[in-house]
Amino acid sequence: SIHFGTPPKKETNEIDPAEYAEEF
């Protein structure tokens, strides 16, 4: 589970540059 499991999920408040640019 440590080495091969599902990677940690992105924090829900993490900024996506492309999405941010669209909103801008």
PDBML (XML) file of the C-alpha atoms, coordinates in Angstrom:
<?xml version="1.0" encoding="UTF-8" ?>
<PDBx:datablock datablockName="MODEL"
   xmlns:PDBx="http://pdbml.pdb.org/schema/pdbx-v50.xsd"
   xmlns:xsi="http://www.w3.org/2001/XMLSchema-instance"
   xsi:schemaLocation="http://pdbml.pdb.org/schema/pdbx-v50.xsd pdbx-v50.xsd">
   <PDBx:atom_siteCategory>
      <PDBx:atom_site id="1">
         <PDBx:B_iso_or_equiv>0.00</PDBx:B_iso_or_equiv>
         <PDBx:Cartn_x>0.000</PDBx:Cartn_x>
         <PDBx:Cartn_y>0.000</PDBx:Cartn_y>
         <PDBx:Cartn_z>0.000</PDBx:Cartn_z>
         <PDBx:auth_asym_id>A</PDBx:auth_asym_id>
         <PDBx:auth_atom_id>CA</PDBx:auth_atom_id>
         <PDBx:auth_comp_id>SER</PDBx:auth_comp_id>
         <PDBx:auth_seq_id>1</PDBx:auth_seq_id>
         <PDBx:group_PDB>ATOM</PDBx:group_PDB>
         <PDBx:label_alt_id xsi:nil="true" />
         <PDBx:label_asym_id>A</PDBx:label_asym_id>
         <PDBx:label_atom_id>CA</PDBx:label_atom_id>
         <PDBx:label_comp_id>SER</PDBx:label_comp_id>
         <PDBx:label_entity_id>1</PDBx:label_entity_id>
         <PDBx:label_seq_id>1</PDBx:label_seq_id>
         <PDBx:occupancy>1.00</PDBx:occupancy>
         <PDBx:pdbx_PDB_model_num>1</PDBx:pdbx_PDB_model_num>
         <PDBx:type_symbol>C</PDBx:type_symbol>
      </PDBx:atom_site>
      <PDBx:atom_site id="2">
         <PDBx:B_iso_or_equiv>0.00</PDBx:B_iso_or_equiv>
         <PDBx:Cartn_x>2.960</PDBx:Cartn_x>
         <PDBx:Cartn_y>2.295</PDBx:Cartn_y>
         <PDBx:Cartn_z>0.578</PDBx:Cartn_z>
         <PDBx:auth_asym_id>A</PDBx:auth_asym_id>
         <PDBx:auth_atom_id>CA</PDBx:auth_atom_id>
         <PDBx:auth_comp_id>ILE</PDBx:auth_comp_id>
         <PDBx:auth_seq_id>2</PDBx:auth_seq_id>
         <PDBx:group_PDB>ATOM</PDBx:group_PDB>
         <PDBx:label_alt_id xsi:nil="true" />
         <PDBx:label_asym_id>A</PDBx:label_asym_id>
         <PDBx:label_atom_id>CA</PDBx:label_atom_id>
         <PDBx:label_comp_id>ILE</PDBx:label_comp_id>
         <PDBx:label_entity_id>1</PDBx:label_entity_id>
         <PDBx:label_seq_id>2</PDBx:label_seq_id>
         <PDBx:occupancy>1.00</PDBx:occupancy>
         <PDBx:pdbx_PDB_model_num>1</PDBx:pdbx_PDB_model_num>
         <PDBx:type_symbol>C</PDBx:type_symbol>
      </PDBx:atom_site>
      <PDBx:atom_site id="3">
         <PDBx:B_iso_or_equiv>0.00</PDBx:B_iso_or_equiv>
         <PDBx:Cartn_x>4.858</PDBx:Cartn_x>
         <PDBx:Cartn_y>1.587</PDBx:Cartn_y>
         <PDBx:Cartn_z>-2.630</PDBx:Cartn_z>
         <PDBx:auth_asym_id>A</PDBx:auth_asym_id>
         <PDBx:auth_atom_id>CA</PDBx:auth_atom_id>
         <PDBx:auth_comp_id>HIS</PDBx:auth_comp_id>
         <PDBx:auth_seq_id>3</PDBx:auth_seq_id>
         <PDBx:group_PDB>ATOM</PDBx:group_PDB>
         <PDBx:label_alt_id xsi:nil="true" />
         <PDBx:label_asym_id>A</PDBx:label_asym_id>
         <PDBx:label_atom_id>CA</PDBx:label_atom_id>
         <PDBx:label_comp_id>HIS</PDBx:label_comp_id>
         <PDBx:label_entity_id>1</PDBx:label_entity_id>
         <PDBx:label_seq_id>3</PDBx:label_seq_id>
         <PDBx:occupancy>1.00</PDBx:occupancy>
         <PDBx:pdbx_PDB_model_num>1</PDBx:pdbx_PDB_model_num>
         <PDBx:type_symbol>C</PDBx:type_symbol>
      </PDBx:atom_site>
      <PDBx:atom_site id="4">
         <PDBx:B_iso_or_equiv>0.00</PDBx:B_iso_or_equiv>
         <PDBx:Cartn_x>2.289</PDBx:Cartn_x>
         <PDBx:Cartn_y>0.449</PDBx:Cartn_y>
         <PDBx:Cartn_z>-5.158</PDBx:Cartn_z>
         <PDBx:auth_asym_id>A</PDBx:auth_asym_id>
         <PDBx:auth_atom_id>CA</PDBx:auth_atom_id>
         <PDBx:auth_comp_id>PHE</PDBx:auth_comp_id>
         <PDBx:auth_seq_id>4</PDBx:auth_seq_id>
         <PDBx:group_PDB>ATOM</PDBx:group_PDB>
         <PDBx:label_alt_id xsi:nil="true" />
         <PDBx:label_asym_id>A</PDBx:label_asym_id>
         <PDBx:label_atom_id>CA</PDBx:label_atom_id>
         <PDBx:label_comp_id>PHE</PDBx:label_comp_id>
         <PDBx:label_entity_id>1</PDBx:label_entity_id>
         <PDBx:label_seq_id>4</PDBx:label_seq_id>
         <PDBx:occupancy>1.00</PDBx:occupancy>
         <PDBx:pdbx_PDB_model_num>1</PDBx:pdbx_PDB_model_num>
         <PDBx:type_symbol>C</PDBx:type_symbol>
      </PDBx:atom_site>
      <PDBx:atom_site id="5">
         <PDBx:B_iso_or_equiv>0.00</PDBx:B_iso_or_equiv>
         <PDBx:Cartn_x>-1.031</PDBx:Cartn_x>
         <PDBx:Cartn_y>1.741</PDBx:Cartn_y>
         <PDBx:Cartn_z>-3.925</PDBx:Cartn_z>
         <PDBx:auth_asym_id>A</PDBx:auth_asym_id>
         <PDBx:auth_atom_id>CA</PDBx:auth_atom_id>
         <PDBx:auth_comp_id>GLY</PDBx:auth_comp_id>
         <PDBx:auth_seq_id>5</PDBx:auth_seq_id>
         <PDBx:group_PDB>ATOM</PDBx:group_PDB>
         <PDBx:label_alt_id xsi:nil="true" />
         <PDBx:label_asym_id>A</PDBx:label_asym_id>
         <PDBx:label_atom_id>CA</PDBx:label_atom_id>
         <PDBx:label_comp_id>GLY</PDBx:label_comp_id>
         <PDBx:label_entity_id>1</PDBx:label_entity_id>
         <PDBx:label_seq_id>5</PDBx:label_seq_id>
         <PDBx:occupancy>1.00</PDBx:occupancy>
         <PDBx:pdbx_PDB_model_num>1</PDBx:pdbx_PDB_model_num>
         <PDBx:type_symbol>C</PDBx:type_symbol>
      </PDBx:atom_site>
      <PDBx:atom_site id="6">
         <PDBx:B_iso_or_equiv>0.00</PDBx:B_iso_or_equiv>
         <PDBx:Cartn_x>-3.075</PDBx:Cartn_x>
         <PDBx:Cartn_y>4.677</PDBx:Cartn_y>
         <PDBx:Cartn_z>-5.256</PDBx:Cartn_z>
         <PDBx:auth_asym_id>A</PDBx:auth_asym_id>
         <PDBx:auth_atom_id>CA</PDBx:auth_atom_id>
         <PDBx:auth_comp_id>THR</PDBx:auth_comp_id>
         <PDBx:auth_seq_id>6</PDBx:auth_seq_id>
         <PDBx:group_PDB>ATOM</PDBx:group_PDB>
         <PDBx:label_alt_id xsi:nil="true" />
         <PDBx:label_asym_id>A</PDBx:label_asym_id>
         <PDBx:label_atom_id>CA</PDBx:label_atom_id>
         <PDBx:label_comp_id>THR</PDBx:label_comp_id>
         <PDBx:label_entity_id>1</PDBx:label_entity_id>
         <PDBx:label_seq_id>6</PDBx:label_seq_id>
         <PDBx:occupancy>1.00</PDBx:occupancy>
         <PDBx:pdbx_PDB_model_num>1</PDBx:pdbx_PDB_model_num>
         <PDBx:type_symbol>C</PDBx:type_symbol>
      </PDBx:atom_site>
      <PDBx:atom_site id="7">
         <PDBx:B_iso_or_equiv>0.00</PDBx:B_iso_or_equiv>
         <PDBx:Cartn_x>-1.090</PDBx:Cartn_x>
         <PDBx:Cartn_y>7.947</PDBx:Cartn_y>
         <PDBx:Cartn_z>-5.152</PDBx:Cartn_z>
         <PDBx:auth_asym_id>A</PDBx:auth_asym_id>
         <PDBx:auth_atom_id>CA</PDBx:auth_atom_id>
         <PDBx:auth_comp_id>PRO</PDBx:auth_comp_id>
         <PDBx:auth_seq_id>7</PDBx:auth_seq_id>
         <PDBx:group_PDB>ATOM</PDBx:group_PDB>
         <PDBx:label_alt_id xsi:nil="true" />
         <PDBx:label_asym_id>A</PDBx:label_asym_id>
         <PDBx:label_atom_id>CA</PDBx:label_atom_id>
         <PDBx:label_comp_id>PRO</PDBx:label_comp_id>
         <PDBx:label_entity_id>1</PDBx:label_entity_id>
         <PDBx:label_seq_id>7</PDBx:label_seq_id>
         <PDBx:occupancy>1.00</PDBx:occupancy>
         <PDBx:pdbx_PDB_model_num>1</PDBx:pdbx_PDB_model_num>
         <PDBx:type_symbol>C</PDBx:type_symbol>
      </PDBx:atom_site>
      <PDBx:atom_site id="8">
         <PDBx:B_iso_or_equiv>0.00</PDBx:B_iso_or_equiv>
         <PDBx:Cartn_x>-2.259</PDBx:Cartn_x>
         <PDBx:Cartn_y>10.568</PDBx:Cartn_y>
         <PDBx:Cartn_z>-2.671</PDBx:Cartn_z>
         <PDBx:auth_asym_id>A</PDBx:auth_asym_id>
         <PDBx:auth_atom_id>CA</PDBx:auth_atom_id>
         <PDBx:auth_comp_id>PRO</PDBx:auth_comp_id>
         <PDBx:auth_seq_id>8</PDBx:auth_seq_id>
         <PDBx:group_PDB>ATOM</PDBx:group_PDB>
         <PDBx:label_alt_id xsi:nil="true" />
         <PDBx:label_asym_id>A</PDBx:label_asym_id>
         <PDBx:label_atom_id>CA</PDBx:label_atom_id>
         <PDBx:label_comp_id>PRO</PDBx:label_comp_id>
         <PDBx:label_entity_id>1</PDBx:label_entity_id>
         <PDBx:label_seq_id>8</PDBx:label_seq_id>
         <PDBx:occupancy>1.00</PDBx:occupancy>
         <PDBx:pdbx_PDB_model_num>1</PDBx:pdbx_PDB_model_num>
         <PDBx:type_symbol>C</PDBx:type_symbol>
      </PDBx:atom_site>
      <PDBx:atom_site id="9">
         <PDBx:B_iso_or_equiv>0.00</PDBx:B_iso_or_equiv>
         <PDBx:Cartn_x>-5.151</PDBx:Cartn_x>
         <PDBx:Cartn_y>12.606</PDBx:Cartn_y>
         <PDBx:Cartn_z>-3.990</PDBx:Cartn_z>
         <PDBx:auth_asym_id>A</PDBx:auth_asym_id>
         <PDBx:auth_atom_id>CA</PDBx:auth_atom_id>
         <PDBx:auth_comp_id>LYS</PDBx:auth_comp_id>
         <PDBx:auth_seq_id>9</PDBx:auth_seq_id>
         <PDBx:group_PDB>ATOM</PDBx:group_PDB>
         <PDBx:label_alt_id xsi:nil="true" />
         <PDBx:label_asym_id>A</PDBx:label_asym_id>
         <PDBx:label_atom_id>CA</PDBx:label_atom_id>
         <PDBx:label_comp_id>LYS</PDBx:label_comp_id>
         <PDBx:label_entity_id>1</PDBx:label_entity_id>
         <PDBx:label_seq_id>9</PDBx:label_seq_id>
         <PDBx:occupancy>1.00</PDBx:occupancy>
         <PDBx:pdbx_PDB_model_num>1</PDBx:pdbx_PDB_model_num>
         <PDBx:type_symbol>C</PDBx:type_symbol>
      </PDBx:atom_site>
      <PDBx:atom_site id="10">
         <PDBx:B_iso_or_equiv>0.00</PDBx:B_iso_or_equiv>
         <PDBx:Cartn_x>-4.602</PDBx:Cartn_x>
         <PDBx:Cartn_y>16.219</PDBx:Cartn_y>
         <PDBx:Cartn_z>-4.925</PDBx:Cartn_z>
         <PDBx:auth_asym_id>A</PDBx:auth_asym_id>
         <PDBx:auth_atom_id>CA</PDBx:auth_atom_id>
         <PDBx:auth_comp_id>LYS</PDBx:auth_comp_id>
         <PDBx:auth_seq_id>10</PDBx:auth_seq_id>
         <PDBx:group_PDB>ATOM</PDBx:group_PDB>
         <PDBx:label_alt_id xsi:nil="true" />
         <PDBx:label_asym_id>A</PDBx:label_asym_id>
         <PDBx:label_atom_id>CA</PDBx:label_atom_id>
         <PDBx:label_comp_id>LYS</PDBx:label_comp_id>
         <PDBx:label_entity_id>1</PDBx:label_entity_id>
         <PDBx:label_seq_id>10</PDBx:label_seq_id>
         <PDBx:occupancy>1.00</PDBx:occupancy>
         <PDBx:pdbx_PDB_model_num>1</PDBx:pdbx_PDB_model_num>
         <PDBx:type_symbol>C</PDBx:type_symbol>
      </PDBx:atom_site>
      <PDBx:atom_site id="11">
         <PDBx:B_iso_or_equiv>0.00</PDBx:B_iso_or_equiv>
         <PDBx:Cartn_x>-5.729</PDBx:Cartn_x>
         <PDBx:Cartn_y>18.635</PDBx:Cartn_y>
         <PDBx:Cartn_z>-2.296</PDBx:Cartn_z>
         <PDBx:auth_asym_id>A</PDBx:auth_asym_id>
         <PDBx:auth_atom_id>CA</PDBx:auth_atom_id>
         <PDBx:auth_comp_id>GLU</PDBx:auth_comp_id>
         <PDBx:auth_seq_id>11</PDBx:auth_seq_id>
         <PDBx:group_PDB>ATOM</PDBx:group_PDB>
         <PDBx:label_alt_id xsi:nil="true" />
         <PDBx:label_asym_id>A</PDBx:label_asym_id>
         <PDBx:label_atom_id>CA</PDBx:label_atom_id>
         <PDBx:label_comp_id>GLU</PDBx:label_comp_id>
         <PDBx:label_entity_id>1</PDBx:label_entity_id>
         <PDBx:label_seq_id>11</PDBx:label_seq_id>
         <PDBx:occupancy>1.00</PDBx:occupancy>
         <PDBx:pdbx_PDB_model_num>1</PDBx:pdbx_PDB_model_num>
         <PDBx:type_symbol>C</PDBx:type_symbol>
      </PDBx:atom_site>
      <PDBx:atom_site id="12">
         <PDBx:B_iso_or_equiv>0.00</PDBx:B_iso_or_equiv>
         <PDBx:Cartn_x>-9.107</PDBx:Cartn_x>
         <PDBx:Cartn_y>19.964</PDBx:Cartn_y>
         <PDBx:Cartn_z>-3.308</PDBx:Cartn_z>
         <PDBx:auth_asym_id>A</PDBx:auth_asym_id>
         <PDBx:auth_atom_id>CA</PDBx:auth_atom_id>
         <PDBx:auth_comp_id>THR</PDBx:auth_comp_id>
         <PDBx:auth_seq_id>12</PDBx:auth_seq_id>
         <PDBx:group_PDB>ATOM</PDBx:group_PDB>
         <PDBx:label_alt_id xsi:nil="true" />
         <PDBx:label_asym_id>A</PDBx:label_asym_id>
         <PDBx:label_atom_id>CA</PDBx:label_atom_id>
         <PDBx:label_comp_id>THR</PDBx:label_comp_id>
         <PDBx:label_entity_id>1</PDBx:label_entity_id>
         <PDBx:label_seq_id>12</PDBx:label_seq_id>
         <PDBx:occupancy>1.00</PDBx:occupancy>
         <PDBx:pdbx_PDB_model_num>1</PDBx:pdbx_PDB_model_num>
         <PDBx:type_symbol>C</PDBx:type_symbol>
      </PDBx:atom_site>
      <PDBx:atom_site id="13">
         <PDBx:B_iso_or_equiv>0.00</PDBx:B_iso_or_equiv>
         <PDBx:Cartn_x>-7.888</PDBx:Cartn_x>
         <PDBx:Cartn_y>23.550</PDBx:Cartn_y>
         <PDBx:Cartn_z>-2.919</PDBx:Cartn_z>
         <PDBx:auth_asym_id>A</PDBx:auth_asym_id>
         <PDBx:auth_atom_id>CA</PDBx:auth_atom_id>
         <PDBx:auth_comp_id>ASN</PDBx:auth_comp_id>
         <PDBx:auth_seq_id>13</PDBx:auth_seq_id>
         <PDBx:group_PDB>ATOM</PDBx:group_PDB>
         <PDBx:label_alt_id xsi:nil="true" />
         <PDBx:label_asym_id>A</PDBx:label_asym_id>
         <PDBx:label_atom_id>CA</PDBx:label_atom_id>
         <PDBx:label_comp_id>ASN</PDBx:label_comp_id>
         <PDBx:label_entity_id>1</PDBx:label_entity_id>
         <PDBx:label_seq_id>13</PDBx:label_seq_id>
         <PDBx:occupancy>1.00</PDBx:occupancy>
         <PDBx:pdbx_PDB_model_num>1</PDBx:pdbx_PDB_model_num>
         <PDBx:type_symbol>C</PDBx:type_symbol>
      </PDBx:atom_site>
      <PDBx:atom_site id="14">
         <PDBx:B_iso_or_equiv>0.00</PDBx:B_iso_or_equiv>
         <PDBx:Cartn_x>-4.775</PDBx:Cartn_x>
         <PDBx:Cartn_y>23.083</PDBx:Cartn_y>
         <PDBx:Cartn_z>-5.077</PDBx:Cartn_z>
         <PDBx:auth_asym_id>A</PDBx:auth_asym_id>
         <PDBx:auth_atom_id>CA</PDBx:auth_atom_id>
         <PDBx:auth_comp_id>GLU</PDBx:auth_comp_id>
         <PDBx:auth_seq_id>14</PDBx:auth_seq_id>
         <PDBx:group_PDB>ATOM</PDBx:group_PDB>
         <PDBx:label_alt_id xsi:nil="true" />
         <PDBx:label_asym_id>A</PDBx:label_asym_id>
         <PDBx:label_atom_id>CA</PDBx:label_atom_id>
         <PDBx:label_comp_id>GLU</PDBx:label_comp_id>
         <PDBx:label_entity_id>1</PDBx:label_entity_id>
         <PDBx:label_seq_id>14</PDBx:label_seq_id>
         <PDBx:occupancy>1.00</PDBx:occupancy>
         <PDBx:pdbx_PDB_model_num>1</PDBx:pdbx_PDB_model_num>
         <PDBx:type_symbol>C</PDBx:type_symbol>
      </PDBx:atom_site>
      <PDBx:atom_site id="15">
         <PDBx:B_iso_or_equiv>0.00</PDBx:B_iso_or_equiv>
         <PDBx:Cartn_x>-4.705</PDBx:Cartn_x>
         <PDBx:Cartn_y>25.556</PDBx:Cartn_y>
         <PDBx:Cartn_z>-7.961</PDBx:Cartn_z>
         <PDBx:auth_asym_id>A</PDBx:auth_asym_id>
         <PDBx:auth_atom_id>CA</PDBx:auth_atom_id>
         <PDBx:auth_comp_id>ILE</PDBx:auth_comp_id>
         <PDBx:auth_seq_id>15</PDBx:auth_seq_id>
         <PDBx:group_PDB>ATOM</PDBx:group_PDB>
         <PDBx:label_alt_id xsi:nil="true" />
         <PDBx:label_asym_id>A</PDBx:label_asym_id>
         <PDBx:label_atom_id>CA</PDBx:label_atom_id>
         <PDBx:label_comp_id>ILE</PDBx:label_comp_id>
         <PDBx:label_entity_id>1</PDBx:label_entity_id>
         <PDBx:label_seq_id>15</PDBx:label_seq_id>
         <PDBx:occupancy>1.00</PDBx:occupancy>
         <PDBx:pdbx_PDB_model_num>1</PDBx:pdbx_PDB_model_num>
         <PDBx:type_symbol>C</PDBx:type_symbol>
      </PDBx:atom_site>
      <PDBx:atom_site id="16">
         <PDBx:B_iso_or_equiv>0.00</PDBx:B_iso_or_equiv>
         <PDBx:Cartn_x>-4.716</PDBx:Cartn_x>
         <PDBx:Cartn_y>24.273</PDBx:Cartn_y>
         <PDBx:Cartn_z>-11.529</PDBx:Cartn_z>
         <PDBx:auth_asym_id>A</PDBx:auth_asym_id>
         <PDBx:auth_atom_id>CA</PDBx:auth_atom_id>
         <PDBx:auth_comp_id>ASP</PDBx:auth_comp_id>
         <PDBx:auth_seq_id>16</PDBx:auth_seq_id>
         <PDBx:group_PDB>ATOM</PDBx:group_PDB>
         <PDBx:label_alt_id xsi:nil="true" />
         <PDBx:label_asym_id>A</PDBx:label_asym_id>
         <PDBx:label_atom_id>CA</PDBx:label_atom_id>
         <PDBx:label_comp_id>ASP</PDBx:label_comp_id>
         <PDBx:label_entity_id>1</PDBx:label_entity_id>
         <PDBx:label_seq_id>16</PDBx:label_seq_id>
         <PDBx:occupancy>1.00</PDBx:occupancy>
         <PDBx:pdbx_PDB_model_num>1</PDBx:pdbx_PDB_model_num>
         <PDBx:type_symbol>C</PDBx:type_symbol>
      </PDBx:atom_site>
      <PDBx:atom_site id="17">
         <PDBx:B_iso_or_equiv>0.00</PDBx:B_iso_or_equiv>
         <PDBx:Cartn_x>-3.071</PDBx:Cartn_x>
         <PDBx:Cartn_y>26.966</PDBx:Cartn_y>
         <PDBx:Cartn_z>-13.734</PDBx:Cartn_z>
         <PDBx:auth_asym_id>A</PDBx:auth_asym_id>
         <PDBx:auth_atom_id>CA</PDBx:auth_atom_id>
         <PDBx:auth_comp_id>PRO</PDBx:auth_comp_id>
         <PDBx:auth_seq_id>17</PDBx:auth_seq_id>
         <PDBx:group_PDB>ATOM</PDBx:group_PDB>
         <PDBx:label_alt_id xsi:nil="true" />
         <PDBx:label_asym_id>A</PDBx:label_asym_id>
         <PDBx:label_atom_id>CA</PDBx:label_atom_id>
         <PDBx:label_comp_id>PRO</PDBx:label_comp_id>
         <PDBx:label_entity_id>1</PDBx:label_entity_id>
         <PDBx:label_seq_id>17</PDBx:label_seq_id>
         <PDBx:occupancy>1.00</PDBx:occupancy>
         <PDBx:pdbx_PDB_model_num>1</PDBx:pdbx_PDB_model_num>
         <PDBx:type_symbol>C</PDBx:type_symbol>
      </PDBx:atom_site>
      <PDBx:atom_site id="18">
         <PDBx:B_iso_or_equiv>0.00</PDBx:B_iso_or_equiv>
         <PDBx:Cartn_x>-5.177</PDBx:Cartn_x>
         <PDBx:Cartn_y>26.234</PDBx:Cartn_y>
         <PDBx:Cartn_z>-16.833</PDBx:Cartn_z>
         <PDBx:auth_asym_id>A</PDBx:auth_asym_id>
         <PDBx:auth_atom_id>CA</PDBx:auth_atom_id>
         <PDBx:auth_comp_id>ALA</PDBx:auth_comp_id>
         <PDBx:auth_seq_id>18</PDBx:auth_seq_id>
         <PDBx:group_PDB>ATOM</PDBx:group_PDB>
         <PDBx:label_alt_id xsi:nil="true" />
         <PDBx:label_asym_id>A</PDBx:label_asym_id>
         <PDBx:label_atom_id>CA</PDBx:label_atom_id>
         <PDBx:label_comp_id>ALA</PDBx:label_comp_id>
         <PDBx:label_entity_id>1</PDBx:label_entity_id>
         <PDBx:label_seq_id>18</PDBx:label_seq_id>
         <PDBx:occupancy>1.00</PDBx:occupancy>
         <PDBx:pdbx_PDB_model_num>1</PDBx:pdbx_PDB_model_num>
         <PDBx:type_symbol>C</PDBx:type_symbol>
      </PDBx:atom_site>
      <PDBx:atom_site id="19">
         <PDBx:B_iso_or_equiv>0.00</PDBx:B_iso_or_equiv>
         <PDBx:Cartn_x>-8.455</PDBx:Cartn_x>
         <PDBx:Cartn_y>26.319</PDBx:Cartn_y>
         <PDBx:Cartn_z>-14.903</PDBx:Cartn_z>
         <PDBx:auth_asym_id>A</PDBx:auth_asym_id>
         <PDBx:auth_atom_id>CA</PDBx:auth_atom_id>
         <PDBx:auth_comp_id>GLU</PDBx:auth_comp_id>
         <PDBx:auth_seq_id>19</PDBx:auth_seq_id>
         <PDBx:group_PDB>ATOM</PDBx:group_PDB>
         <PDBx:label_alt_id xsi:nil="true" />
         <PDBx:label_asym_id>A</PDBx:label_asym_id>
         <PDBx:label_atom_id>CA</PDBx:label_atom_id>
         <PDBx:label_comp_id>GLU</PDBx:label_comp_id>
         <PDBx:label_entity_id>1</PDBx:label_entity_id>
         <PDBx:label_seq_id>19</PDBx:label_seq_id>
         <PDBx:occupancy>1.00</PDBx:occupancy>
         <PDBx:pdbx_PDB_model_num>1</PDBx:pdbx_PDB_model_num>
         <PDBx:type_symbol>C</PDBx:type_symbol>
      </PDBx:atom_site>
      <PDBx:atom_site id="20">
         <PDBx:B_iso_or_equiv>0.00</PDBx:B_iso_or_equiv>
         <PDBx:Cartn_x>-7.356</PDBx:Cartn_x>
         <PDBx:Cartn_y>29.453</PDBx:Cartn_y>
         <PDBx:Cartn_z>-13.074</PDBx:Cartn_z>
         <PDBx:auth_asym_id>A</PDBx:auth_asym_id>
         <PDBx:auth_atom_id>CA</PDBx:auth_atom_id>
         <PDBx:auth_comp_id>TYR</PDBx:auth_comp_id>
         <PDBx:auth_seq_id>20</PDBx:auth_seq_id>
         <PDBx:group_PDB>ATOM</PDBx:group_PDB>
         <PDBx:label_alt_id xsi:nil="true" />
         <PDBx:label_asym_id>A</PDBx:label_asym_id>
         <PDBx:label_atom_id>CA</PDBx:label_atom_id>
         <PDBx:label_comp_id>TYR</PDBx:label_comp_id>
         <PDBx:label_entity_id>1</PDBx:label_entity_id>
         <PDBx:label_seq_id>20</PDBx:label_seq_id>
         <PDBx:occupancy>1.00</PDBx:occupancy>
         <PDBx:pdbx_PDB_model_num>1</PDBx:pdbx_PDB_model_num>
         <PDBx:type_symbol>C</PDBx:type_symbol>
      </PDBx:atom_site>
      <PDBx:atom_site id="21">
         <PDBx:B_iso_or_equiv>0.00</PDBx:B_iso_or_equiv>
         <PDBx:Cartn_x>-6.565</PDBx:Cartn_x>
         <PDBx:Cartn_y>31.154</PDBx:Cartn_y>
         <PDBx:Cartn_z>-16.391</PDBx:Cartn_z>
         <PDBx:auth_asym_id>A</PDBx:auth_asym_id>
         <PDBx:auth_atom_id>CA</PDBx:auth_atom_id>
         <PDBx:auth_comp_id>ALA</PDBx:auth_comp_id>
         <PDBx:auth_seq_id>21</PDBx:auth_seq_id>
         <PDBx:group_PDB>ATOM</PDBx:group_PDB>
         <PDBx:label_alt_id xsi:nil="true" />
         <PDBx:label_asym_id>A</PDBx:label_asym_id>
         <PDBx:label_atom_id>CA</PDBx:label_atom_id>
         <PDBx:label_comp_id>ALA</PDBx:label_comp_id>
         <PDBx:label_entity_id>1</PDBx:label_entity_id>
         <PDBx:label_seq_id>21</PDBx:label_seq_id>
         <PDBx:occupancy>1.00</PDBx:occupancy>
         <PDBx:pdbx_PDB_model_num>1</PDBx:pdbx_PDB_model_num>
         <PDBx:type_symbol>C</PDBx:type_symbol>
      </PDBx:atom_site>
      <PDBx:atom_site id="22">
         <PDBx:B_iso_or_equiv>0.00</PDBx:B_iso_or_equiv>
         <PDBx:Cartn_x>-10.042</PDBx:Cartn_x>
         <PDBx:Cartn_y>30.281</PDBx:Cartn_y>
         <PDBx:Cartn_z>-17.718</PDBx:Cartn_z>
         <PDBx:auth_asym_id>A</PDBx:auth_asym_id>
         <PDBx:auth_atom_id>CA</PDBx:auth_atom_id>
         <PDBx:auth_comp_id>GLU</PDBx:auth_comp_id>
         <PDBx:auth_seq_id>22</PDBx:auth_seq_id>
         <PDBx:group_PDB>ATOM</PDBx:group_PDB>
         <PDBx:label_alt_id xsi:nil="true" />
         <PDBx:label_asym_id>A</PDBx:label_asym_id>
         <PDBx:label_atom_id>CA</PDBx:label_atom_id>
         <PDBx:label_comp_id>GLU</PDBx:label_comp_id>
         <PDBx:label_entity_id>1</PDBx:label_entity_id>
         <PDBx:label_seq_id>22</PDBx:label_seq_id>
         <PDBx:occupancy>1.00</PDBx:occupancy>
         <PDBx:pdbx_PDB_model_num>1</PDBx:pdbx_PDB_model_num>
         <PDBx:type_symbol>C</PDBx:type_symbol>
      </PDBx:atom_site>
      <PDBx:atom_site id="23">
         <PDBx:B_iso_or_equiv>0.00</PDBx:B_iso_or_equiv>
         <PDBx:Cartn_x>-11.678</PDBx:Cartn_x>
         <PDBx:Cartn_y>31.758</PDBx:Cartn_y>
         <PDBx:Cartn_z>-14.628</PDBx:Cartn_z>
         <PDBx:auth_asym_id>A</PDBx:auth_asym_id>
         <PDBx:auth_atom_id>CA</PDBx:auth_atom_id>
         <PDBx:auth_comp_id>GLU</PDBx:auth_comp_id>
         <PDBx:auth_seq_id>23</PDBx:auth_seq_id>
         <PDBx:group_PDB>ATOM</PDBx:group_PDB>
         <PDBx:label_alt_id xsi:nil="true" />
         <PDBx:label_asym_id>A</PDBx:label_asym_id>
         <PDBx:label_atom_id>CA</PDBx:label_atom_id>
         <PDBx:label_comp_id>GLU</PDBx:label_comp_id>
         <PDBx:label_entity_id>1</PDBx:label_entity_id>
         <PDBx:label_seq_id>23</PDBx:label_seq_id>
         <PDBx:occupancy>1.00</PDBx:occupancy>
         <PDBx:pdbx_PDB_model_num>1</PDBx:pdbx_PDB_model_num>
         <PDBx:type_symbol>C</PDBx:type_symbol>
      </PDBx:atom_site>
      <PDBx:atom_site id="24">
         <PDBx:B_iso_or_equiv>0.00</PDBx:B_iso_or_equiv>
         <PDBx:Cartn_x>-9.450</PDBx:Cartn_x>
         <PDBx:Cartn_y>34.837</PDBx:Cartn_y>
         <PDBx:Cartn_z>-14.927</PDBx:Cartn_z>
         <PDBx:auth_asym_id>A</PDBx:auth_asym_id>
         <PDBx:auth_atom_id>CA</PDBx:auth_atom_id>
         <PDBx:auth_comp_id>PHE</PDBx:auth_comp_id>
         <PDBx:auth_seq_id>24</PDBx:auth_seq_id>
         <PDBx:group_PDB>ATOM</PDBx:group_PDB>
         <PDBx:label_alt_id xsi:nil="true" />
         <PDBx:label_asym_id>A</PDBx:label_asym_id>
         <PDBx:label_atom_id>CA</PDBx:label_atom_id>
         <PDBx:label_comp_id>PHE</PDBx:label_comp_id>
         <PDBx:label_entity_id>1</PDBx:label_entity_id>
         <PDBx:label_seq_id>24</PDBx:label_seq_id>
         <PDBx:occupancy>1.00</PDBx:occupancy>
         <PDBx:pdbx_PDB_model_num>1</PDBx:pdbx_PDB_model_num>
         <PDBx:type_symbol>C</PDBx:type_symbol>
      </PDBx:atom_site>
   </PDBx:atom_siteCategory>
</PDBx:datablock>
